[in-house]
PDB file of all heavy atoms in Angstrom:
ATOM      1  N   ALA A   1      19.149 124.882  99.941  1.00  0.00           N
ATOM      2  CA  ALA A   1      18.775 124.926  98.539  1.00  0.00           C
ATOM      3  C   ALA A   1      19.343 126.063  97.846  1.00  0.00           C
ATOM      4  O   ALA A   1      19.807 125.909  96.616  1.00  0.00           O
ATOM      5  CB  ALA A   1      17.235 124.774  98.382  1.00  0.00           C
ATOM      6  N   LEU A   2      19.322 127.165  98.452  1.00  0.00           N
ATOM      7  CA  LEU A   2      19.954 128.364  97.800  1.00  0.00           C
ATOM      8  C   LEU A   2      21.444 128.293  97.600  1.00  0.00           C
ATOM      9  O   LEU A   2      21.973 128.669  96.563  1.00  0.00           O
ATOM     10  CB  LEU A   2      19.665 129.696  98.718  1.00  0.00           C
ATOM     11  CG  LEU A   2      20.135 130.959  98.119  1.00  0.00           C
ATOM     12  CD1 LEU A   2      19.426 131.262  96.721  1.00  0.00           C
ATOM     13  CD2 LEU A   2      19.823 132.021  99.071  1.00  0.00           C
ATOM     14  N   SER A   3      22.070 127.702  98.570  1.00  0.00           N
ATOM     15  CA  SER A   3      23.534 127.437  98.531  1.00  0.00           C
ATOM     16  C   SER A   3      23.883 126.418  97.437  1.00  0.00           C
ATOM     17  O   SER A   3      24.761 126.614  96.653  1.00  0.00           O
ATOM     18  CB  SER A   3      24.121 126.986  99.830  1.00  0.00           C
ATOM     19  OG  SER A   3      23.902 127.910 100.812  1.00  0.00           O
ATOM     20  N   LEU A   4      23.054 125.336  97.333  1.00  0.00           N
ATOM     21  CA  LEU A   4      23.260 124.333  96.315  1.00  0.00           C
ATOM     22  C   LEU A   4      23.089 125.036  94.906  1.00  0.00           C
ATOM     23  O   LEU A   4      23.808 124.783  94.008  1.00  0.00           O
ATOM     24  CB  LEU A   4      22.328 123.202  96.482  1.00  0.00           C
ATOM     25  CG  LEU A   4      22.427 122.133  95.365  1.00  0.00           C
ATOM     26  CD1 LEU A   4      23.823 121.475  95.486  1.00  0.00           C
ATOM     27  CD2 LEU A   4      21.349 121.083  95.649  1.00  0.00           C
ATOM     28  N   ASP A   5      21.932 125.791  94.807  1.00  0.00           N
ATOM     29  CA  ASP A   5      21.674 126.506  93.537  1.00  0.00           C
ATOM     30  C   ASP A   5      22.804 127.392  93.133  1.00  0.00           C
ATOM     31  O   ASP A   5      23.293 127.345  91.976  1.00  0.00           O
ATOM     32  CB  ASP A   5      20.376 127.300  93.695  1.00  0.00           C
ATOM     33  CG  ASP A   5      20.046 127.895  92.336  1.00  0.00           C
ATOM     34  OD1 ASP A   5      20.059 127.205  91.317  1.00  0.00           O
ATOM     35  OD2 ASP A   5      19.613 129.084  92.325  1.00  0.00           O
ATOM     36  N   GLN A   6      23.358 128.152  94.049  1.00  0.00           N
ATOM     37  CA  GLN A   6      24.455 129.082  93.786  1.00  0.00           C
ATOM     38  C   GLN A   6      25.665 128.271  93.349  1.00  0.00           C
ATOM     39  O   GLN A   6      26.462 128.595  92.422  1.00  0.00           O
ATOM     40  CB  GLN A   6      24.775 129.961  94.907  1.00  0.00           C
ATOM     41  CG  GLN A   6      23.908 131.052  95.227  1.00  0.00           C
ATOM     42  CD  GLN A   6      24.276 131.942  96.408  1.00  0.00           C
ATOM     43  OE1 GLN A   6      25.148 131.569  97.077  1.00  0.00           O
ATOM     44  NE2 GLN A   6      23.561 133.002  96.570  1.00  0.00           N
ATOM     45  N   SER A   7      25.972 127.175  94.041  1.00  0.00           N
ATOM     46  CA  SER A   7      27.178 126.385  93.714  1.00  0.00           C
ATOM     47  C   SER A   7      27.107 125.646  92.382  1.00  0.00           C
ATOM     48  O   SER A   7      28.137 125.308  91.823  1.00  0.00           O
ATOM     49  CB  SER A   7      27.457 125.421  94.786  1.00  0.00           C
ATOM     50  OG  SER A   7      26.527 124.361  94.796  1.00  0.00           O
ATOM     51  N   LEU A   8      25.882 125.407  91.857  1.00  0.00           N
ATOM     52  CA  LEU A   8      25.625 124.810  90.571  1.00  0.00           C
ATOM     53  C   LEU A   8      25.597 125.680  89.375  1.00  0.00           C
ATOM     54  O   LEU A   8      25.769 125.204  88.295  1.00  0.00           O
ATOM     55  CB  LEU A   8      24.442 123.831  90.669  1.00  0.00           C
ATOM     56  CG  LEU A   8      24.538 122.636  91.596  1.00  0.00           C
ATOM     57  CD1 LEU A   8      23.229 121.887  91.626  1.00  0.00           C
ATOM     58  CD2 LEU A   8      25.689 121.699  91.307  1.00  0.00           C
ATOM     59  N   VAL A   9      25.290 126.957  89.701  1.00  0.00           N
ATOM     60  CA  VAL A   9      25.207 127.878  88.573  1.00  0.00           C
ATOM     61  C   VAL A   9      26.446 128.118  87.856  1.00  0.00           C
ATOM     62  O   VAL A   9      26.589 128.137  86.586  1.00  0.00           O
ATOM     63  CB  VAL A   9      24.540 129.210  89.121  1.00  0.00           C
ATOM     64  CG1 VAL A   9      24.631 130.256  88.023  1.00  0.00           C
ATOM     65  CG2 VAL A   9      23.072 128.962  89.486  1.00  0.00           C
ATOM     66  N   SER A  10      27.533 128.487  88.611  1.00  0.00           N
ATOM     67  CA  SER A  10      28.813 128.812  88.030  1.00  0.00           C
ATOM     68  C   SER A  10      29.983 128.408  88.885  1.00  0.00           C
ATOM     69  O   SER A  10      29.757 128.107  90.026  1.00  0.00           O
ATOM     70  CB  SER A  10      28.892 130.363  87.759  1.00  0.00           C
ATOM     71  OG  SER A  10      28.908 131.019  88.964  1.00  0.00           O
ATOM     72  N   GLU A  11      31.065 128.501  88.283  1.00  0.00           N
ATOM     73  CA  GLU A  11      32.352 128.122  89.057  1.00  0.00           C
ATOM     74  C   GLU A  11      32.551 129.210  90.071  1.00  0.00           C
ATOM     75  O   GLU A  11      32.983 128.845  91.214  1.00  0.00           O
ATOM     76  CB  GLU A  11      33.558 128.025  88.130  1.00  0.00           C
ATOM     77  CG  GLU A  11      34.751 127.577  88.818  1.00  0.00           C
ATOM     78  CD  GLU A  11      35.931 127.396  87.808  1.00  0.00           C
ATOM     79  OE1 GLU A  11      35.755 127.429  86.629  1.00  0.00           O
ATOM     80  OE2 GLU A  11      37.027 127.199  88.372  1.00  0.00           O
ATOM     81  N   GLU A  12      32.256 130.465  89.883  1.00  0.00           N
ATOM     82  CA  GLU A  12      32.406 131.565  90.822  1.00  0.00           C
ATOM     83  C   GLU A  12      31.458 131.268  92.039  1.00  0.00           C
ATOM     84  O   GLU A  12      31.843 131.464  93.178  1.00  0.00           O
ATOM     85  CB  GLU A  12      32.118 132.824  90.203  1.00  0.00           C
ATOM     86  CG  GLU A  12      33.101 133.275  89.197  1.00  0.00           C
ATOM     87  CD  GLU A  12      32.612 134.538  88.490  1.00  0.00           C
ATOM     88  OE1 GLU A  12      31.534 135.136  88.890  1.00  0.00           O
ATOM     89  OE2 GLU A  12      33.291 135.010  87.531  1.00  0.00           O
ATOM     90  N   GLY A  13      30.251 130.916  91.827  1.00  0.00           N
ATOM     91  CA  GLY A  13      29.310 130.564  92.842  1.00  0.00           C
ATOM     92  C   GLY A  13      29.839 129.427  93.713  1.00  0.00           C
ATOM     93  O   GLY A  13      29.660 129.396  94.931  1.00  0.00           O
ATOM     94  N   PHE A  14      30.345 128.355  93.054  1.00  0.00           N
ATOM     95  CA  PHE A  14      30.894 127.263  93.770  1.00  0.00           C
ATOM     96  C   PHE A  14      31.978 127.666  94.697  1.00  0.00           C
ATOM     97  O   PHE A  14      32.050 127.301  95.876  1.00  0.00           O
ATOM     98  CB  PHE A  14      31.347 126.123  92.823  1.00  0.00           C
ATOM     99  CG  PHE A  14      32.041 125.038  93.544  1.00  0.00           C
ATOM    100  CD1 PHE A  14      31.357 124.009  94.194  1.00  0.00           C
ATOM    101  CD2 PHE A  14      33.421 124.922  93.520  1.00  0.00           C
ATOM    102  CE1 PHE A  14      31.935 122.986  94.769  1.00  0.00           C
ATOM    103  CE2 PHE A  14      34.049 123.895  94.173  1.00  0.00           C
ATOM    104  CZ  PHE A  14      33.325 122.876  94.790  1.00  0.00           C
ATOM    105  N   ASN A  15      32.879 128.452  94.191  1.00  0.00           N
ATOM    106  CA  ASN A  15      34.090 128.847  94.938  1.00  0.00           C
ATOM    107  C   ASN A  15      33.650 129.775  96.115  1.00  0.00           C
ATOM    108  O   ASN A  15      34.234 129.751  97.171  1.00  0.00           O
ATOM    109  CB  ASN A  15      35.104 129.565  94.035  1.00  0.00           C
ATOM    110  CG  ASN A  15      35.830 128.614  93.156  1.00  0.00           C
ATOM    111  OD1 ASN A  15      36.032 127.556  93.523  1.00  0.00           O
ATOM    112  ND2 ASN A  15      36.220 129.085  91.925  1.00  0.00           N
ATOM    113  N   ARG A  16      32.648 130.583  95.912  1.00  0.00           N
ATOM    114  CA  ARG A  16      32.184 131.469  96.905  1.00  0.00           C
ATOM    115  C   ARG A  16      31.595 130.604  98.091  1.00  0.00           C
ATOM    116  O   ARG A  16      31.827 130.854  99.227  1.00  0.00           O
ATOM    117  CB  ARG A  16      31.162 132.496  96.397  1.00  0.00           C
ATOM    118  CG  ARG A  16      30.618 133.514  97.350  1.00  0.00           C
ATOM    119  CD  ARG A  16      29.725 134.419  96.743  1.00  0.00           C
ATOM    120  NE  ARG A  16      28.959 133.824  95.676  1.00  0.00           N
ATOM    121  CZ  ARG A  16      28.707 134.397  94.399  1.00  0.00           C
ATOM    122  NH1 ARG A  16      29.153 135.563  94.190  1.00  0.00           N
ATOM    123  NH2 ARG A  16      28.034 133.720  93.479  1.00  0.00           N
ATOM    124  N   ILE A  17      30.779 129.694  97.754  1.00  0.00           N
ATOM    125  CA  ILE A  17      30.122 128.842  98.776  1.00  0.00           C
ATOM    126  C   ILE A  17      31.221 127.983  99.519  1.00  0.00           C
ATOM    127  O   ILE A  17      31.224 127.866 100.715  1.00  0.00           O
ATOM    128  CB  ILE A  17      29.085 127.901  98.100  1.00  0.00           C
ATOM    129  CG1 ILE A  17      27.896 128.729  97.641  1.00  0.00           C
ATOM    130  CG2 ILE A  17      28.586 126.833  99.135  1.00  0.00           C
ATOM    131  CD1 ILE A  17      27.107 129.543  98.632  1.00  0.00           C
ATOM    132  N   LYS A  18      32.131 127.378  98.696  1.00  0.00           N
ATOM    133  CA  LYS A  18      33.252 126.650  99.260  1.00  0.00           C
ATOM    134  C   LYS A  18      34.095 127.485 100.141  1.00  0.00           C
ATOM    135  O   LYS A  18      34.355 127.016 101.328  1.00  0.00           O
ATOM    136  CB  LYS A  18      34.100 126.006  98.127  1.00  0.00           C
ATOM    137  CG  LYS A  18      35.233 125.172  98.633  1.00  0.00           C
ATOM    138  CD  LYS A  18      36.131 124.752  97.499  1.00  0.00           C
ATOM    139  CE  LYS A  18      36.896 125.980  97.072  1.00  0.00           C
ATOM    140  NZ  LYS A  18      38.187 125.847  96.517  1.00  0.00           N
ATOM    141  N   ASP A  19      34.497 128.617  99.838  1.00  0.00           N
ATOM    142  CA  ASP A  19      35.275 129.444 100.657  1.00  0.00           C
ATOM    143  C   ASP A  19      34.596 129.940 101.917  1.00  0.00           C
ATOM    144  O   ASP A  19      35.204 130.122 102.895  1.00  0.00           O
ATOM    145  CB  ASP A  19      35.786 130.683  99.844  1.00  0.00           C
ATOM    146  CG  ASP A  19      36.802 130.331  98.688  1.00  0.00           C
ATOM    147  OD1 ASP A  19      37.382 129.266  98.834  1.00  0.00           O
ATOM    148  OD2 ASP A  19      36.882 131.124  97.768  1.00  0.00           O
ATOM    149  N   HIS A  20      33.318 130.133 101.829  1.00  0.00           N
ATOM    150  CA  HIS A  20      32.557 130.577 102.916  1.00  0.00           C
ATOM    151  C   HIS A  20      32.298 129.376 103.986  1.00  0.00           C
ATOM    152  O   HIS A  20      32.598 129.664 105.178  1.00  0.00           O
ATOM    153  CB  HIS A  20      31.188 131.132 102.509  1.00  0.00           C
ATOM    154  CG  HIS A  20      30.255 131.611 103.656  1.00  0.00           C
ATOM    155  ND1 HIS A  20      30.618 132.666 104.384  1.00  0.00           N
ATOM    156  CD2 HIS A  20      29.219 130.997 104.266  1.00  0.00           C
ATOM    157  CE1 HIS A  20      29.702 132.758 105.417  1.00  0.00           C
ATOM    158  NE2 HIS A  20      28.823 131.744 105.280  1.00  0.00           N
ATOM    159  N   TYR A  21      31.836 128.310 103.533  1.00  0.00           N
ATOM    160  CA  TYR A  21      31.503 127.242 104.469  1.00  0.00           C
ATOM    161  C   TYR A  21      32.628 126.395 104.854  1.00  0.00           C
ATOM    162  O   TYR A  21      32.668 125.854 106.036  1.00  0.00           O
ATOM    163  CB  TYR A  21      30.376 126.299 103.874  1.00  0.00           C
ATOM    164  CG  TYR A  21      29.004 127.033 103.888  1.00  0.00           C
ATOM    165  CD1 TYR A  21      28.444 127.472 102.705  1.00  0.00           C
ATOM    166  CD2 TYR A  21      28.393 127.314 105.024  1.00  0.00           C
ATOM    167  CE1 TYR A  21      27.240 128.176 102.688  1.00  0.00           C
ATOM    168  CE2 TYR A  21      27.143 128.024 105.094  1.00  0.00           C
ATOM    169  CZ  TYR A  21      26.609 128.388 103.934  1.00  0.00           C
ATOM    170  OH  TYR A  21      25.414 129.005 103.880  1.00  0.00           O
ATOM    171  N   LEU A  22      33.590 126.163 104.097  1.00  0.00           N
ATOM    172  CA  LEU A  22      34.755 125.252 104.459  1.00  0.00           C
ATOM    173  C   LEU A  22      35.707 126.008 105.341  1.00  0.00           C
ATOM    174  O   LEU A  22      36.812 125.357 105.633  1.00  0.00           O
ATOM    175  CB  LEU A  22      35.406 124.618 103.224  1.00  0.00           C
ATOM    176  CG  LEU A  22      34.655 123.484 102.679  1.00  0.00           C
ATOM    177  CD1 LEU A  22      35.433 122.834 101.461  1.00  0.00           C
ATOM    178  CD2 LEU A  22      34.352 122.366 103.694  1.00  0.00           C
ATOM    179  N   GLN A  23      35.460 127.159 105.820  1.00  0.00           N
ATOM    180  CA  GLN A  23      36.356 127.799 106.733  1.00  0.00           C
ATOM    181  C   GLN A  23      35.963 127.335 108.222  1.00  0.00           C
ATOM    182  O   GLN A  23      36.751 127.582 109.118  1.00  0.00           O
ATOM    183  CB  GLN A  23      36.179 129.330 106.668  1.00  0.00           C
ATOM    184  CG  GLN A  23      36.592 129.971 105.282  1.00  0.00           C
ATOM    185  CD  GLN A  23      37.987 129.446 104.913  1.00  0.00           C
ATOM    186  OE1 GLN A  23      38.928 129.436 105.737  1.00  0.00           O
ATOM    187  NE2 GLN A  23      38.152 129.109 103.674  1.00  0.00           N
ATOM    188  N   TRP A  24      34.828 126.802 108.377  1.00  0.00           N
ATOM    189  CA  TRP A  24      34.427 126.405 109.742  1.00  0.00           C
ATOM    190  C   TRP A  24      34.887 124.982 110.008  1.00  0.00           C
ATOM    191  O   TRP A  24      34.519 124.022 109.249  1.00  0.00           O
ATOM    192  CB  TRP A  24      32.866 126.408 109.838  1.00  0.00           C
ATOM    193  CG  TRP A  24      32.307 127.844 109.576  1.00  0.00           C
ATOM    194  CD1 TRP A  24      32.998 129.045 109.557  1.00  0.00           C
ATOM    195  CD2 TRP A  24      30.966 128.156 109.316  1.00  0.00           C
ATOM    196  NE1 TRP A  24      32.160 130.038 109.343  1.00  0.00           N
ATOM    197  CE2 TRP A  24      30.874 129.578 109.145  1.00  0.00           C
ATOM    198  CE3 TRP A  24      29.831 127.391 109.148  1.00  0.00           C
ATOM    199  CZ2 TRP A  24      29.700 130.229 108.795  1.00  0.00           C
ATOM    200  CZ3 TRP A  24      28.623 127.999 108.835  1.00  0.00           C
ATOM    201  CH2 TRP A  24      28.568 129.445 108.769  1.00  0.00           C
ATOM    202  N   PRO A  25      35.577 124.814 111.123  1.00  0.00           N
ATOM    203  CA  PRO A  25      36.113 123.409 111.413  1.00  0.00           C
ATOM    204  C   PRO A  25      34.875 122.464 111.638  1.00  0.00           C
ATOM    205  O   PRO A  25      35.083 121.247 111.368  1.00  0.00           O
ATOM    206  CB  PRO A  25      36.906 123.620 112.676  1.00  0.00           C
ATOM    207  CG  PRO A  25      37.272 125.053 112.717  1.00  0.00           C
ATOM    208  CD  PRO A  25      36.116 125.776 111.969  1.00  0.00           C
ATOM    209  N   LEU A  26      33.798 122.859 112.250  1.00  0.00           N
ATOM    210  CA  LEU A  26      32.659 121.916 112.489  1.00  0.00           C
ATOM    211  C   LEU A  26      32.052 121.460 111.153  1.00  0.00           C
ATOM    212  O   LEU A  26      31.760 120.249 110.993  1.00  0.00           O
ATOM    213  CB  LEU A  26      31.587 122.627 113.301  1.00  0.00           C
ATOM    214  CG  LEU A  26      30.478 121.766 113.801  1.00  0.00           C
ATOM    215  CD1 LEU A  26      31.078 120.655 114.691  1.00  0.00           C
ATOM    216  CD2 LEU A  26      29.552 122.536 114.590  1.00  0.00           C
ATOM    217  N   VAL A  27      32.039 122.300 110.089  1.00  0.00           N
ATOM    218  CA  VAL A  27      31.539 121.870 108.795  1.00  0.00           C
ATOM    219  C   VAL A  27      32.525 120.817 108.184  1.00  0.00           C
ATOM    220  O   VAL A  27      32.071 119.902 107.683  1.00  0.00           O
ATOM    221  CB  VAL A  27      31.362 123.076 107.883  1.00  0.00           C
ATOM    222  CG1 VAL A  27      31.027 122.692 106.472  1.00  0.00           C
ATOM    223  CG2 VAL A  27      30.269 124.006 108.496  1.00  0.00           C
ATOM    224  N   LYS A  28      33.784 121.056 108.302  1.00  0.00           N
ATOM    225  CA  LYS A  28      34.780 120.177 107.842  1.00  0.00           C
ATOM    226  C   LYS A  28      34.713 118.805 108.478  1.00  0.00           C
ATOM    227  O   LYS A  28      34.770 117.776 107.862  1.00  0.00           O
ATOM    228  CB  LYS A  28      36.199 120.700 107.996  1.00  0.00           C
ATOM    229  CG  LYS A  28      36.597 121.831 107.074  1.00  0.00           C
ATOM    230  CD  LYS A  28      37.998 122.336 107.319  1.00  0.00           C
ATOM    231  CE  LYS A  28      38.311 123.453 106.487  1.00  0.00           C
ATOM    232  NZ  LYS A  28      39.706 123.957 106.625  1.00  0.00           N
ATOM    233  N   ALA A  29      34.443 118.814 109.822  1.00  0.00           N
ATOM    234  CA  ALA A  29      34.406 117.559 110.560  1.00  0.00           C
ATOM    235  C   ALA A  29      33.135 116.836 110.070  1.00  0.00           C
ATOM    236  O   ALA A  29      33.223 115.657 110.004  1.00  0.00           O
ATOM    237  CB  ALA A  29      34.391 117.935 112.087  1.00  0.00           C
ATOM    238  N   GLY A  30      32.119 117.573 109.959  1.00  0.00           N
ATOM    239  CA  GLY A  30      30.764 116.906 109.510  1.00  0.00           C
ATOM    240  C   GLY A  30      30.992 116.332 108.142  1.00  0.00           C
ATOM    241  O   GLY A  30      30.491 115.213 107.812  1.00  0.00           O
ATOM    242  N   LEU A  31      31.682 117.020 107.239  1.00  0.00           N
ATOM    243  CA  LEU A  31      31.904 116.540 105.862  1.00  0.00           C
ATOM    244  C   LEU A  31      32.798 115.278 105.917  1.00  0.00           C
ATOM    245  O   LEU A  31      32.539 114.342 105.220  1.00  0.00           O
ATOM    246  CB  LEU A  31      32.651 117.648 105.084  1.00  0.00           C
ATOM    247  CG  LEU A  31      32.975 117.304 103.622  1.00  0.00           C
ATOM    248  CD1 LEU A  31      31.767 117.058 102.858  1.00  0.00           C
ATOM    249  CD2 LEU A  31      33.813 118.433 103.043  1.00  0.00           C
ATOM    250  N   LEU A  32      33.689 115.205 106.834  1.00  0.00           N
ATOM    251  CA  LEU A  32      34.568 114.023 106.999  1.00  0.00           C
ATOM    252  C   LEU A  32      33.693 112.839 107.445  1.00  0.00           C
ATOM    253  O   LEU A  32      33.973 111.709 107.163  1.00  0.00           O
ATOM    254  CB  LEU A  32      35.697 114.224 107.909  1.00  0.00           C
ATOM    255  CG  LEU A  32      36.894 115.074 107.353  1.00  0.00           C
ATOM    256  CD1 LEU A  32      37.955 115.321 108.394  1.00  0.00           C
ATOM    257  CD2 LEU A  32      37.447 114.431 106.156  1.00  0.00           C
ATOM    258  N   VAL A  33      32.814 113.104 108.392  1.00  0.00           N
ATOM    259  CA  VAL A  33      31.961 111.987 108.868  1.00  0.00           C
ATOM    260  C   VAL A  33      31.115 111.424 107.695  1.00  0.00           C
ATOM    261  O   VAL A  33      31.091 110.200 107.476  1.00  0.00           O
ATOM    262  CB  VAL A  33      30.927 112.496 109.979  1.00  0.00           C
ATOM    263  CG1 VAL A  33      29.929 111.451 110.247  1.00  0.00           C
ATOM    264  CG2 VAL A  33      31.787 112.855 111.236  1.00  0.00           C
ATOM    265  N   PHE A  34      30.641 112.302 106.907  1.00  0.00           N
ATOM    266  CA  PHE A  34      29.831 111.794 105.695  1.00  0.00           C
ATOM    267  C   PHE A  34      30.760 111.102 104.589  1.00  0.00           C
ATOM    268  O   PHE A  34      30.293 110.107 104.036  1.00  0.00           O
ATOM    269  CB  PHE A  34      29.132 112.935 104.987  1.00  0.00           C
ATOM    270  CG  PHE A  34      27.832 113.379 105.721  1.00  0.00           C
ATOM    271  CD1 PHE A  34      27.739 114.649 106.215  1.00  0.00           C
ATOM    272  CD2 PHE A  34      26.797 112.486 105.898  1.00  0.00           C
ATOM    273  CE1 PHE A  34      26.685 115.094 106.929  1.00  0.00           C
ATOM    274  CE2 PHE A  34      25.646 112.867 106.595  1.00  0.00           C
ATOM    275  CZ  PHE A  34      25.544 114.188 107.066  1.00  0.00           C
ATOM    276  N   ILE A  35      31.928 111.567 104.485  1.00  0.00           N
ATOM    277  CA  ILE A  35      32.820 110.924 103.571  1.00  0.00           C
ATOM    278  C   ILE A  35      33.254 109.546 104.129  1.00  0.00           C
ATOM    279  O   ILE A  35      33.377 108.610 103.364  1.00  0.00           O
ATOM    280  CB  ILE A  35      34.105 111.801 103.297  1.00  0.00           C
ATOM    281  CG1 ILE A  35      33.708 113.053 102.455  1.00  0.00           C
ATOM    282  CG2 ILE A  35      35.229 111.110 102.721  1.00  0.00           C
ATOM    283  CD1 ILE A  35      34.754 114.112 102.408  1.00  0.00           C
ATOM    284  N   TRP A  36      33.484 109.484 105.388  1.00  0.00           N
ATOM    285  CA  TRP A  36      33.903 108.157 105.985  1.00  0.00           C
ATOM    286  C   TRP A  36      32.695 107.172 105.798  1.00  0.00           C
ATOM    287  O   TRP A  36      32.826 106.033 105.366  1.00  0.00           O
ATOM    288  CB  TRP A  36      34.242 108.251 107.443  1.00  0.00           C
ATOM    289  CG  TRP A  36      34.311 106.874 107.987  1.00  0.00           C
ATOM    290  CD1 TRP A  36      35.405 106.170 107.893  1.00  0.00           C
ATOM    291  CD2 TRP A  36      33.381 106.196 108.762  1.00  0.00           C
ATOM    292  NE1 TRP A  36      35.171 104.920 108.577  1.00  0.00           N
ATOM    293  CE2 TRP A  36      33.953 104.917 109.114  1.00  0.00           C
ATOM    294  CE3 TRP A  36      32.128 106.483 109.186  1.00  0.00           C
ATOM    295  CZ2 TRP A  36      33.280 103.993 109.803  1.00  0.00           C
ATOM    296  CZ3 TRP A  36      31.418 105.535 109.966  1.00  0.00           C
ATOM    297  CH2 TRP A  36      31.983 104.319 110.282  1.00  0.00           C
ATOM    298  N   ALA A  37      31.420 107.651 106.087  1.00  0.00           N
ATOM    299  CA  ALA A  37      30.289 106.809 105.932  1.00  0.00           C
ATOM    300  C   ALA A  37      30.123 106.219 104.543  1.00  0.00           C
ATOM    301  O   ALA A  37      29.828 105.146 104.274  1.00  0.00           O
ATOM    302  CB  ALA A  37      29.047 107.545 106.344  1.00  0.00           C
ATOM    303  N   TYR A  38      30.279 107.170 103.585  1.00  0.00           N
ATOM    304  CA  TYR A  38      30.177 106.804 102.105  1.00  0.00           C
ATOM    305  C   TYR A  38      31.277 105.807 101.757  1.00  0.00           C
ATOM    306  O   TYR A  38      31.051 104.815 101.146  1.00  0.00           O
ATOM    307  CB  TYR A  38      30.322 108.033 101.252  1.00  0.00           C
ATOM    308  CG  TYR A  38      30.379 107.605  99.816  1.00  0.00           C
ATOM    309  CD1 TYR A  38      29.252 107.271  99.086  1.00  0.00           C
ATOM    310  CD2 TYR A  38      31.571 107.613  99.055  1.00  0.00           C
ATOM    311  CE1 TYR A  38      29.192 106.904  97.784  1.00  0.00           C
ATOM    312  CE2 TYR A  38      31.522 107.222  97.788  1.00  0.00           C
ATOM    313  CZ  TYR A  38      30.409 106.936  97.129  1.00  0.00           C
ATOM    314  OH  TYR A  38      30.492 106.478  95.782  1.00  0.00           O
ATOM    315  N   CYS A  39      32.584 106.048 102.173  1.00  0.00           N
ATOM    316  CA  CYS A  39      33.657 105.143 101.855  1.00  0.00           C
ATOM    317  C   CYS A  39      33.443 103.794 102.425  1.00  0.00           C
ATOM    318  O   CYS A  39      33.703 102.807 101.893  1.00  0.00           O
ATOM    319  CB  CYS A  39      34.952 105.683 102.266  1.00  0.00           C
ATOM    320  SG  CYS A  39      35.565 107.162 101.337  1.00  0.00           S
ATOM    321  N   HIS A  40      32.945 103.808 103.717  1.00  0.00           N
ATOM    322  CA  HIS A  40      32.804 102.546 104.513  1.00  0.00           C
ATOM    323  C   HIS A  40      31.684 101.694 103.737  1.00  0.00           C
ATOM    324  O   HIS A  40      31.900 100.529 103.498  1.00  0.00           O
ATOM    325  CB  HIS A  40      32.438 102.791 105.852  1.00  0.00           C
ATOM    326  CG  HIS A  40      32.400 101.618 106.711  1.00  0.00           C
ATOM    327  ND1 HIS A  40      33.527 101.039 107.229  1.00  0.00           N
ATOM    328  CD2 HIS A  40      31.348 100.847 107.107  1.00  0.00           C
ATOM    329  CE1 HIS A  40      33.123  99.933 107.954  1.00  0.00           C
ATOM    330  NE2 HIS A  40      31.840  99.821 107.854  1.00  0.00           N
ATOM    331  N   HIS A  41      30.624 102.378 103.366  1.00  0.00           N
ATOM    332  CA  HIS A  41      29.465 101.663 102.716  1.00  0.00           C
ATOM    333  C   HIS A  41      29.969 101.219 101.345  1.00  0.00           C
ATOM    334  O   HIS A  41      29.637 100.076 100.959  1.00  0.00           O
ATOM    335  CB  HIS A  41      28.337 102.708 102.559  1.00  0.00           C
ATOM    336  CG  HIS A  41      27.122 102.091 102.028  1.00  0.00           C
ATOM    337  ND1 HIS A  41      26.279 101.322 102.724  1.00  0.00           N
ATOM    338  CD2 HIS A  41      26.600 102.210 100.727  1.00  0.00           C
ATOM    339  CE1 HIS A  41      25.277 100.877 101.989  1.00  0.00           C
ATOM    340  NE2 HIS A  41      25.452 101.424 100.734  1.00  0.00           N
ATOM    341  N   PHE A  42      30.687 101.922 100.582  1.00  0.00           N
ATOM    342  CA  PHE A  42      31.196 101.567  99.266  1.00  0.00           C
ATOM    343  C   PHE A  42      32.196 100.379  99.372  1.00  0.00           C
ATOM    344  O   PHE A  42      32.016  99.334  98.658  1.00  0.00           O
ATOM    345  CB  PHE A  42      31.889 102.672  98.619  1.00  0.00           C
ATOM    346  CG  PHE A  42      32.453 102.420  97.269  1.00  0.00           C
ATOM    347  CD1 PHE A  42      31.665 102.359  96.151  1.00  0.00           C
ATOM    348  CD2 PHE A  42      33.848 102.120  97.111  1.00  0.00           C
ATOM    349  CE1 PHE A  42      32.072 101.985  94.910  1.00  0.00           C
ATOM    350  CE2 PHE A  42      34.309 101.759  95.820  1.00  0.00           C
ATOM    351  CZ  PHE A  42      33.493 101.788  94.731  1.00  0.00           C
ATOM    352  N   CYS A  43      33.113 100.443 100.369  1.00  0.00           N
ATOM    353  CA  CYS A  43      34.043  99.277 100.502  1.00  0.00           C
ATOM    354  C   CYS A  43      33.348  98.019 101.032  1.00  0.00           C
ATOM    355  O   CYS A  43      33.610  96.889 100.551  1.00  0.00           O
ATOM    356  CB  CYS A  43      35.149  99.717 101.420  1.00  0.00           C
ATOM    357  SG  CYS A  43      36.260 100.986 100.946  1.00  0.00           S
ATOM    358  N   ALA A  44      32.352  98.225 101.917  1.00  0.00           N
ATOM    359  CA  ALA A  44      31.627  97.051 102.394  1.00  0.00           C
ATOM    360  C   ALA A  44      30.838  96.427 101.273  1.00  0.00           C
ATOM    361  O   ALA A  44      30.703  95.186 101.183  1.00  0.00           O
ATOM    362  CB  ALA A  44      30.755  97.437 103.560  1.00  0.00           C
ATOM    363  N   GLY A  45      30.258  97.315 100.430  1.00  0.00           N
ATOM    364  CA  GLY A  45      29.580  96.715  99.272  1.00  0.00           C
ATOM    365  C   GLY A  45      30.385  95.974  98.285  1.00  0.00           C
ATOM    366  O   GLY A  45      30.016  95.007  97.734  1.00  0.00           O
ATOM    367  N   CYS A  46      31.604  96.452  97.999  1.00  0.00           N
ATOM    368  CA  CYS A  46      32.572  95.768  97.173  1.00  0.00           C
ATOM    369  C   CYS A  46      32.924  94.367  97.832  1.00  0.00           C
ATOM    370  O   CYS A  46      32.991  93.450  97.115  1.00  0.00           O
ATOM    371  CB  CYS A  46      33.824  96.590  97.028  1.00  0.00           C
ATOM    372  SG  CYS A  46      33.571  98.142  95.962  1.00  0.00           S
TER     373      CYS A  46
END
C-alpha cells in the first residue's frame, strides 16, 4: 500500500518504485504472468 501510494503521488515516486522493483527478474516474471492472464482473459472474452 505504501508503494502504491508513493507511485500515485508523483511521477518521481512512480519512477523510484519502478526503478527499484523492476530490477528483480522474479518481479518481472511475476508481472508477465499477470499480463498474460489479463490478455488471455480479455481475448477469450472478446
